[in-house]
PDB file of all heavy atoms in Angstrom:
ATOM      1  N   GLN A   1      28.098  76.901 -24.680  1.00  0.00           N
ATOM      2  CA  GLN A   1      27.385  76.045 -25.530  1.00  0.00           C
ATOM      3  C   GLN A   1      28.215  75.877 -26.843  1.00  0.00           C
ATOM      4  O   GLN A   1      28.342  76.875 -27.681  1.00  0.00           O
ATOM      5  CB  GLN A   1      26.043  76.663 -25.952  1.00  0.00           C
ATOM      6  CG  GLN A   1      25.097  75.793 -26.826  1.00  0.00           C
ATOM      7  CD  GLN A   1      23.667  76.222 -26.862  1.00  0.00           C
ATOM      8  OE1 GLN A   1      23.412  77.427 -26.538  1.00  0.00           O
ATOM      9  NE2 GLN A   1      22.826  75.366 -27.172  1.00  0.00           N
ATOM     10  N   ALA A   2      28.784  74.704 -27.016  1.00  0.00           N
ATOM     11  CA  ALA A   2      29.522  74.409 -28.225  1.00  0.00           C
ATOM     12  C   ALA A   2      28.600  74.231 -29.371  1.00  0.00           C
ATOM     13  O   ALA A   2      27.405  73.869 -29.177  1.00  0.00           O
ATOM     14  CB  ALA A   2      30.396  73.226 -27.985  1.00  0.00           C
ATOM     15  N   PRO A   3      29.072  74.417 -30.644  1.00  0.00           N
ATOM     16  CA  PRO A   3      28.217  74.181 -31.732  1.00  0.00           C
ATOM     17  C   PRO A   3      27.531  72.859 -31.785  1.00  0.00           C
ATOM     18  O   PRO A   3      28.161  71.862 -31.727  1.00  0.00           O
ATOM     19  CB  PRO A   3      29.129  74.398 -33.014  1.00  0.00           C
ATOM     20  CG  PRO A   3      30.257  75.276 -32.457  1.00  0.00           C
ATOM     21  CD  PRO A   3      30.426  74.860 -31.046  1.00  0.00           C
ATOM     22  N   GLY A   4      26.169  72.904 -31.866  1.00  0.00           N
ATOM     23  CA  GLY A   4      25.482  71.597 -31.972  1.00  0.00           C
ATOM     24  C   GLY A   4      25.333  70.873 -30.655  1.00  0.00           C
ATOM     25  O   GLY A   4      24.860  69.690 -30.629  1.00  0.00           O
ATOM     26  N   LYS A   5      25.770  71.465 -29.534  1.00  0.00           N
ATOM     27  CA  LYS A   5      25.675  70.763 -28.281  1.00  0.00           C
ATOM     28  C   LYS A   5      24.878  71.497 -27.220  1.00  0.00           C
ATOM     29  O   LYS A   5      24.478  72.704 -27.505  1.00  0.00           O
ATOM     30  CB  LYS A   5      27.146  70.612 -27.711  1.00  0.00           C
ATOM     31  CG  LYS A   5      27.974  69.657 -28.654  1.00  0.00           C
ATOM     32  CD  LYS A   5      29.269  69.225 -28.064  1.00  0.00           C
ATOM     33  CE  LYS A   5      29.996  68.262 -28.887  1.00  0.00           C
ATOM     34  NZ  LYS A   5      31.283  67.816 -28.339  1.00  0.00           N
ATOM     35  N   GLU A   6      24.657  70.893 -26.074  1.00  0.00           N
ATOM     36  CA  GLU A   6      23.919  71.564 -24.992  1.00  0.00           C
ATOM     37  C   GLU A   6      24.740  72.591 -24.283  1.00  0.00           C
ATOM     38  O   GLU A   6      25.979  72.507 -24.287  1.00  0.00           O
ATOM     39  CB  GLU A   6      23.383  70.480 -24.012  1.00  0.00           C
ATOM     40  CG  GLU A   6      22.420  69.635 -24.622  1.00  0.00           C
ATOM     41  CD  GLU A   6      21.839  68.523 -23.597  1.00  0.00           C
ATOM     42  OE1 GLU A   6      22.468  68.416 -22.554  1.00  0.00           O
ATOM     43  OE2 GLU A   6      20.954  67.828 -23.872  1.00  0.00           O
ATOM     44  N   ARG A   7      24.159  73.424 -23.515  1.00  0.00           N
ATOM     45  CA  ARG A   7      24.876  74.331 -22.661  1.00  0.00           C
ATOM     46  C   ARG A   7      25.440  73.558 -21.423  1.00  0.00           C
ATOM     47  O   ARG A   7      24.683  72.789 -20.810  1.00  0.00           O
ATOM     48  CB  ARG A   7      23.960  75.451 -22.156  1.00  0.00           C
ATOM     49  CG  ARG A   7      23.507  76.392 -23.172  1.00  0.00           C
ATOM     50  CD  ARG A   7      22.724  77.502 -22.610  1.00  0.00           C
ATOM     51  NE  ARG A   7      22.099  78.264 -23.745  1.00  0.00           N
ATOM     52  CZ  ARG A   7      21.292  79.354 -23.636  1.00  0.00           C
ATOM     53  NH1 ARG A   7      21.100  79.826 -22.383  1.00  0.00           N
ATOM     54  NH2 ARG A   7      20.819  79.943 -24.649  1.00  0.00           N
ATOM     55  N   ASN A   8      26.625  73.843 -21.072  1.00  0.00           N
ATOM     56  CA  ASN A   8      27.275  73.120 -19.935  1.00  0.00           C
ATOM     57  C   ASN A   8      27.840  74.188 -19.028  1.00  0.00           C
ATOM     58  O   ASN A   8      28.487  75.191 -19.428  1.00  0.00           O
ATOM     59  CB  ASN A   8      28.290  72.150 -20.301  1.00  0.00           C
ATOM     60  CG  ASN A   8      27.726  70.932 -21.042  1.00  0.00           C
ATOM     61  OD1 ASN A   8      26.800  70.321 -20.519  1.00  0.00           O
ATOM     62  ND2 ASN A   8      28.210  70.601 -22.208  1.00  0.00           N
ATOM     63  N   LEU A   9      27.712  74.007 -17.712  1.00  0.00           N
ATOM     64  CA  LEU A   9      28.309  74.920 -16.728  1.00  0.00           C
ATOM     65  C   LEU A   9      29.830  74.782 -16.759  1.00  0.00           C
ATOM     66  O   LEU A   9      30.336  73.671 -16.729  1.00  0.00           O
ATOM     67  CB  LEU A   9      27.788  74.510 -15.351  1.00  0.00           C
ATOM     68  CG  LEU A   9      28.365  75.434 -14.175  1.00  0.00           C
ATOM     69  CD1 LEU A   9      27.849  76.898 -14.351  1.00  0.00           C
ATOM     70  CD2 LEU A   9      27.919  74.820 -12.878  1.00  0.00           C
ATOM     71  N   VAL A  10      30.450  75.885 -16.846  1.00  0.00           N
ATOM     72  CA  VAL A  10      31.965  75.859 -16.838  1.00  0.00           C
ATOM     73  C   VAL A  10      32.504  76.389 -15.439  1.00  0.00           C
ATOM     74  O   VAL A  10      33.562  75.994 -15.001  1.00  0.00           O
ATOM     75  CB  VAL A  10      32.632  76.604 -17.977  1.00  0.00           C
ATOM     76  CG1 VAL A  10      32.246  75.832 -19.330  1.00  0.00           C
ATOM     77  CG2 VAL A  10      32.204  78.068 -18.056  1.00  0.00           C
ATOM     78  N   ALA A  11      31.786  77.418 -14.890  1.00  0.00           N
ATOM     79  CA  ALA A  11      32.292  78.009 -13.686  1.00  0.00           C
ATOM     80  C   ALA A  11      31.117  78.750 -13.050  1.00  0.00           C
ATOM     81  O   ALA A  11      30.232  79.246 -13.678  1.00  0.00           O
ATOM     82  CB  ALA A  11      33.349  79.040 -13.905  1.00  0.00           C
ATOM     83  N   GLU A  12      31.179  78.848 -11.681  1.00  0.00           N
ATOM     84  CA  GLU A  12      30.200  79.611 -10.948  1.00  0.00           C
ATOM     85  C   GLU A  12      30.829  80.253  -9.709  1.00  0.00           C
ATOM     86  O   GLU A  12      31.844  79.663  -9.181  1.00  0.00           O
ATOM     87  CB  GLU A  12      28.941  78.882 -10.632  1.00  0.00           C
ATOM     88  CG  GLU A  12      29.075  77.766  -9.635  1.00  0.00           C
ATOM     89  CD  GLU A  12      27.725  77.097  -9.343  1.00  0.00           C
ATOM     90  OE1 GLU A  12      26.799  77.158 -10.118  1.00  0.00           O
ATOM     91  OE2 GLU A  12      27.708  76.405  -8.269  1.00  0.00           O
ATOM     92  N   ILE A  13      30.320  81.357  -9.314  1.00  0.00           N
ATOM     93  CA  ILE A  13      30.820  81.989  -8.056  1.00  0.00           C
ATOM     94  C   ILE A  13      29.610  82.241  -7.176  1.00  0.00           C
ATOM     95  O   ILE A  13      28.563  82.754  -7.583  1.00  0.00           O
ATOM     96  CB  ILE A  13      31.557  83.279  -8.373  1.00  0.00           C
ATOM     97  CG1 ILE A  13      32.144  83.944  -7.082  1.00  0.00           C
ATOM     98  CG2 ILE A  13      30.765  84.351  -9.146  1.00  0.00           C
ATOM     99  CD1 ILE A  13      33.219  84.978  -7.324  1.00  0.00           C
ATOM    100  N   ARG A  14      29.692  81.898  -5.884  1.00  0.00           N
ATOM    101  CA  ARG A  14      28.610  81.956  -4.957  1.00  0.00           C
ATOM    102  C   ARG A  14      28.712  83.213  -4.144  1.00  0.00           C
ATOM    103  O   ARG A  14      29.698  83.951  -4.153  1.00  0.00           O
ATOM    104  CB  ARG A  14      28.599  80.706  -4.089  1.00  0.00           C
ATOM    105  CG  ARG A  14      28.407  79.434  -5.023  1.00  0.00           C
ATOM    106  CD  ARG A  14      28.707  78.132  -4.302  1.00  0.00           C
ATOM    107  NE  ARG A  14      28.693  77.104  -5.325  1.00  0.00           N
ATOM    108  CZ  ARG A  14      29.468  76.080  -5.316  1.00  0.00           C
ATOM    109  NH1 ARG A  14      30.425  75.872  -4.461  1.00  0.00           N
ATOM    110  NH2 ARG A  14      29.383  75.091  -6.327  1.00  0.00           N
ATOM    111  N   SER A  15      27.629  83.455  -3.385  1.00  0.00           N
ATOM    112  CA  SER A  15      27.558  84.696  -2.609  1.00  0.00           C
ATOM    113  C   SER A  15      28.698  84.820  -1.661  1.00  0.00           C
ATOM    114  O   SER A  15      29.263  85.932  -1.359  1.00  0.00           O
ATOM    115  CB  SER A  15      26.270  84.801  -1.881  1.00  0.00           C
ATOM    116  OG  SER A  15      26.031  83.765  -1.008  1.00  0.00           O
ATOM    117  N   ASN A  16      29.215  83.686  -1.151  1.00  0.00           N
ATOM    118  CA  ASN A  16      30.325  83.739  -0.161  1.00  0.00           C
ATOM    119  C   ASN A  16      31.642  83.652  -0.920  1.00  0.00           C
ATOM    120  O   ASN A  16      32.775  83.474  -0.225  1.00  0.00           O
ATOM    121  CB  ASN A  16      30.195  82.609   0.861  1.00  0.00           C
ATOM    122  CG  ASN A  16      30.298  81.241   0.181  1.00  0.00           C
ATOM    123  OD1 ASN A  16      30.429  81.126  -1.011  1.00  0.00           O
ATOM    124  ND2 ASN A  16      30.245  80.229   1.006  1.00  0.00           N
ATOM    125  N   ARG A  17      31.703  83.864  -2.179  1.00  0.00           N
ATOM    126  CA  ARG A  17      32.884  83.866  -3.104  1.00  0.00           C
ATOM    127  C   ARG A  17      33.472  82.392  -3.329  1.00  0.00           C
ATOM    128  O   ARG A  17      34.485  82.316  -3.942  1.00  0.00           O
ATOM    129  CB  ARG A  17      33.992  84.728  -2.539  1.00  0.00           C
ATOM    130  CG  ARG A  17      33.613  86.231  -2.721  1.00  0.00           C
ATOM    131  CD  ARG A  17      34.830  87.122  -2.477  1.00  0.00           C
ATOM    132  NE  ARG A  17      34.515  88.544  -2.547  1.00  0.00           N
ATOM    133  CZ  ARG A  17      34.597  89.191  -3.737  1.00  0.00           C
ATOM    134  NH1 ARG A  17      35.025  88.622  -4.784  1.00  0.00           N
ATOM    135  NH2 ARG A  17      34.261  90.476  -3.775  1.00  0.00           N
ATOM    136  N   ASP A  18      32.751  81.375  -2.823  1.00  0.00           N
ATOM    137  CA  ASP A  18      33.259  80.069  -3.132  1.00  0.00           C
ATOM    138  C   ASP A  18      33.033  79.882  -4.670  1.00  0.00           C
ATOM    139  O   ASP A  18      32.148  80.413  -5.250  1.00  0.00           O
ATOM    140  CB  ASP A  18      32.448  78.982  -2.441  1.00  0.00           C
ATOM    141  CG  ASP A  18      32.882  78.805  -1.005  1.00  0.00           C
ATOM    142  OD1 ASP A  18      33.877  79.335  -0.634  1.00  0.00           O
ATOM    143  OD2 ASP A  18      32.176  78.123  -0.301  1.00  0.00           O
ATOM    144  N   THR A  19      33.915  79.110  -5.236  1.00  0.00           N
ATOM    145  CA  THR A  19      33.795  78.901  -6.695  1.00  0.00           C
ATOM    146  C   THR A  19      33.788  77.434  -7.131  1.00  0.00           C
ATOM    147  O   THR A  19      34.167  76.577  -6.312  1.00  0.00           O
ATOM    148  CB  THR A  19      35.020  79.556  -7.479  1.00  0.00           C
ATOM    149  OG1 THR A  19      36.282  78.994  -6.862  1.00  0.00           O
ATOM    150  CG2 THR A  19      35.020  81.060  -7.306  1.00  0.00           C
ATOM    151  N   PHE A  20      33.246  77.195  -8.269  1.00  0.00           N
ATOM    152  CA  PHE A  20      33.231  75.812  -8.861  1.00  0.00           C
ATOM    153  C   PHE A  20      33.666  75.946 -10.280  1.00  0.00           C
ATOM    154  O   PHE A  20      33.390  76.935 -11.004  1.00  0.00           O
ATOM    155  CB  PHE A  20      31.774  75.248  -8.812  1.00  0.00           C
ATOM    156  CG  PHE A  20      31.638  74.103  -9.736  1.00  0.00           C
ATOM    157  CD1 PHE A  20      32.023  72.774  -9.411  1.00  0.00           C
ATOM    158  CD2 PHE A  20      31.150  74.313 -11.070  1.00  0.00           C
ATOM    159  CE1 PHE A  20      31.881  71.789 -10.243  1.00  0.00           C
ATOM    160  CE2 PHE A  20      31.019  73.177 -11.916  1.00  0.00           C
ATOM    161  CZ  PHE A  20      31.397  71.935 -11.522  1.00  0.00           C
ATOM    162  N   TYR A  21      34.448  74.933 -10.755  1.00  0.00           N
ATOM    163  CA  TYR A  21      34.942  74.882 -12.029  1.00  0.00           C
ATOM    164  C   TYR A  21      34.700  73.479 -12.613  1.00  0.00           C
ATOM    165  O   TYR A  21      35.001  72.508 -11.957  1.00  0.00           O
ATOM    166  CB  TYR A  21      36.432  75.194 -12.159  1.00  0.00           C
ATOM    167  CG  TYR A  21      36.792  76.592 -11.814  1.00  0.00           C
ATOM    168  CD1 TYR A  21      37.238  76.893 -10.481  1.00  0.00           C
ATOM    169  CD2 TYR A  21      36.667  77.620 -12.698  1.00  0.00           C
ATOM    170  CE1 TYR A  21      37.527  78.226 -10.129  1.00  0.00           C
ATOM    171  CE2 TYR A  21      36.944  78.965 -12.324  1.00  0.00           C
ATOM    172  CZ  TYR A  21      37.345  79.202 -10.941  1.00  0.00           C
ATOM    173  OH  TYR A  21      37.649  80.475 -10.601  1.00  0.00           O
ATOM    174  N   ASP A  22      34.280  73.426 -13.919  1.00  0.00           N
ATOM    175  CA  ASP A  22      34.248  72.185 -14.592  1.00  0.00           C
ATOM    176  C   ASP A  22      35.604  71.616 -14.725  1.00  0.00           C
ATOM    177  O   ASP A  22      36.635  72.399 -14.893  1.00  0.00           O
ATOM    178  CB  ASP A  22      33.500  72.317 -15.905  1.00  0.00           C
ATOM    179  CG  ASP A  22      33.337  70.953 -16.655  1.00  0.00           C
ATOM    180  OD1 ASP A  22      32.557  70.167 -16.298  1.00  0.00           O
ATOM    181  OD2 ASP A  22      34.170  70.775 -17.571  1.00  0.00           O
ATOM    182  N   ALA A  23      35.823  70.325 -14.777  1.00  0.00           N
ATOM    183  CA  ALA A  23      37.193  69.772 -14.870  1.00  0.00           C
ATOM    184  C   ALA A  23      37.864  70.201 -16.167  1.00  0.00           C
ATOM    185  O   ALA A  23      39.113  70.253 -16.171  1.00  0.00           O
ATOM    186  CB  ALA A  23      37.074  68.224 -14.820  1.00  0.00           C
ATOM    187  N   SER A  24      37.098  70.459 -17.182  1.00  0.00           N
ATOM    188  CA  SER A  24      37.675  70.823 -18.507  1.00  0.00           C
ATOM    189  C   SER A  24      38.377  72.198 -18.500  1.00  0.00           C
ATOM    190  O   SER A  24      39.144  72.456 -19.367  1.00  0.00           O
ATOM    191  CB  SER A  24      36.633  70.782 -19.532  1.00  0.00           C
ATOM    192  OG  SER A  24      35.691  71.786 -19.402  1.00  0.00           O
ATOM    193  N   VAL A  25      38.078  73.047 -17.538  1.00  0.00           N
ATOM    194  CA  VAL A  25      38.616  74.407 -17.491  1.00  0.00           C
ATOM    195  C   VAL A  25      39.353  74.635 -16.197  1.00  0.00           C
ATOM    196  O   VAL A  25      40.049  75.751 -16.163  1.00  0.00           O
ATOM    197  CB  VAL A  25      37.471  75.449 -17.642  1.00  0.00           C
ATOM    198  CG1 VAL A  25      36.633  75.134 -18.886  1.00  0.00           C
ATOM    199  CG2 VAL A  25      36.651  75.514 -16.389  1.00  0.00           C
ATOM    200  N   LYS A  26      39.422  73.701 -15.292  1.00  0.00           N
ATOM    201  CA  LYS A  26      40.094  74.001 -14.055  1.00  0.00           C
ATOM    202  C   LYS A  26      41.604  74.164 -14.222  1.00  0.00           C
ATOM    203  O   LYS A  26      42.187  73.496 -15.070  1.00  0.00           O
ATOM    204  CB  LYS A  26      39.885  72.739 -13.071  1.00  0.00           C
ATOM    205  CG  LYS A  26      39.941  73.110 -11.614  1.00  0.00           C
ATOM    206  CD  LYS A  26      39.415  71.867 -10.764  1.00  0.00           C
ATOM    207  CE  LYS A  26      39.259  72.342  -9.348  1.00  0.00           C
ATOM    208  NZ  LYS A  26      38.626  71.297  -8.574  1.00  0.00           N
ATOM    209  N   GLY A  27      42.072  75.247 -13.645  1.00  0.00           N
ATOM    210  CA  GLY A  27      43.421  75.657 -13.792  1.00  0.00           C
ATOM    211  C   GLY A  27      43.699  76.597 -15.000  1.00  0.00           C
ATOM    212  O   GLY A  27      44.773  77.182 -15.069  1.00  0.00           O
ATOM    213  N   ARG A  28      42.702  76.755 -15.875  1.00  0.00           N
ATOM    214  CA  ARG A  28      42.901  77.676 -17.020  1.00  0.00           C
ATOM    215  C   ARG A  28      41.918  78.813 -16.905  1.00  0.00           C
ATOM    216  O   ARG A  28      42.245  79.975 -17.394  1.00  0.00           O
ATOM    217  CB  ARG A  28      42.577  76.902 -18.311  1.00  0.00           C
ATOM    218  CG  ARG A  28      43.485  75.740 -18.629  1.00  0.00           C
ATOM    219  CD  ARG A  28      43.263  75.140 -19.984  1.00  0.00           C
ATOM    220  NE  ARG A  28      41.927  74.647 -20.112  1.00  0.00           N
ATOM    221  CZ  ARG A  28      41.053  75.085 -21.042  1.00  0.00           C
ATOM    222  NH1 ARG A  28      41.380  76.005 -21.865  1.00  0.00           N
ATOM    223  NH2 ARG A  28      39.762  74.540 -21.116  1.00  0.00           N
ATOM    224  N   PHE A  29      40.765  78.634 -16.368  1.00  0.00           N
ATOM    225  CA  PHE A  29      39.728  79.675 -16.202  1.00  0.00           C
ATOM    226  C   PHE A  29      39.605  80.183 -14.728  1.00  0.00           C
ATOM    227  O   PHE A  29      39.825  79.365 -13.812  1.00  0.00           O
ATOM    228  CB  PHE A  29      38.392  79.234 -16.647  1.00  0.00           C
ATOM    229  CG  PHE A  29      38.188  78.978 -18.139  1.00  0.00           C
ATOM    230  CD1 PHE A  29      39.303  78.966 -18.995  1.00  0.00           C
ATOM    231  CD2 PHE A  29      36.921  78.717 -18.629  1.00  0.00           C
ATOM    232  CE1 PHE A  29      39.073  78.705 -20.327  1.00  0.00           C
ATOM    233  CE2 PHE A  29      36.801  78.497 -20.013  1.00  0.00           C
ATOM    234  CZ  PHE A  29      37.835  78.458 -20.865  1.00  0.00           C
ATOM    235  N   THR A  30      39.350  81.487 -14.581  1.00  0.00           N
ATOM    236  CA  THR A  30      39.153  82.021 -13.246  1.00  0.00           C
ATOM    237  C   THR A  30      37.913  82.905 -13.242  1.00  0.00           C
ATOM    238  O   THR A  30      37.762  83.818 -14.066  1.00  0.00           O
ATOM    239  CB  THR A  30      40.336  82.856 -12.796  1.00  0.00           C
ATOM    240  OG1 THR A  30      41.530  82.047 -12.842  1.00  0.00           O
ATOM    241  CG2 THR A  30      40.164  83.389 -11.325  1.00  0.00           C
ATOM    242  N   ILE A  31      37.006  82.635 -12.325  1.00  0.00           N
ATOM    243  CA  ILE A  31      35.792  83.434 -12.229  1.00  0.00           C
ATOM    244  C   ILE A  31      35.994  84.336 -11.033  1.00  0.00           C
ATOM    245  O   ILE A  31      36.561  83.982  -9.992  1.00  0.00           O
ATOM    246  CB  ILE A  31      34.564  82.552 -11.997  1.00  0.00           C
ATOM    247  CG1 ILE A  31      33.276  83.344 -12.165  1.00  0.00           C
ATOM    248  CG2 ILE A  31      34.538  81.813 -10.735  1.00  0.00           C
ATOM    249  CD1 ILE A  31      31.964  82.557 -12.229  1.00  0.00           C
TER     250      ILE A  31
END
């Protein structure tokens, strides 16, 4: 949640270890 903005999903990890990344963090963040 950036200042003055809504919360946005940046990454998630599922029970089978599959992952999702928002385009803004892909390649920089690892869950």
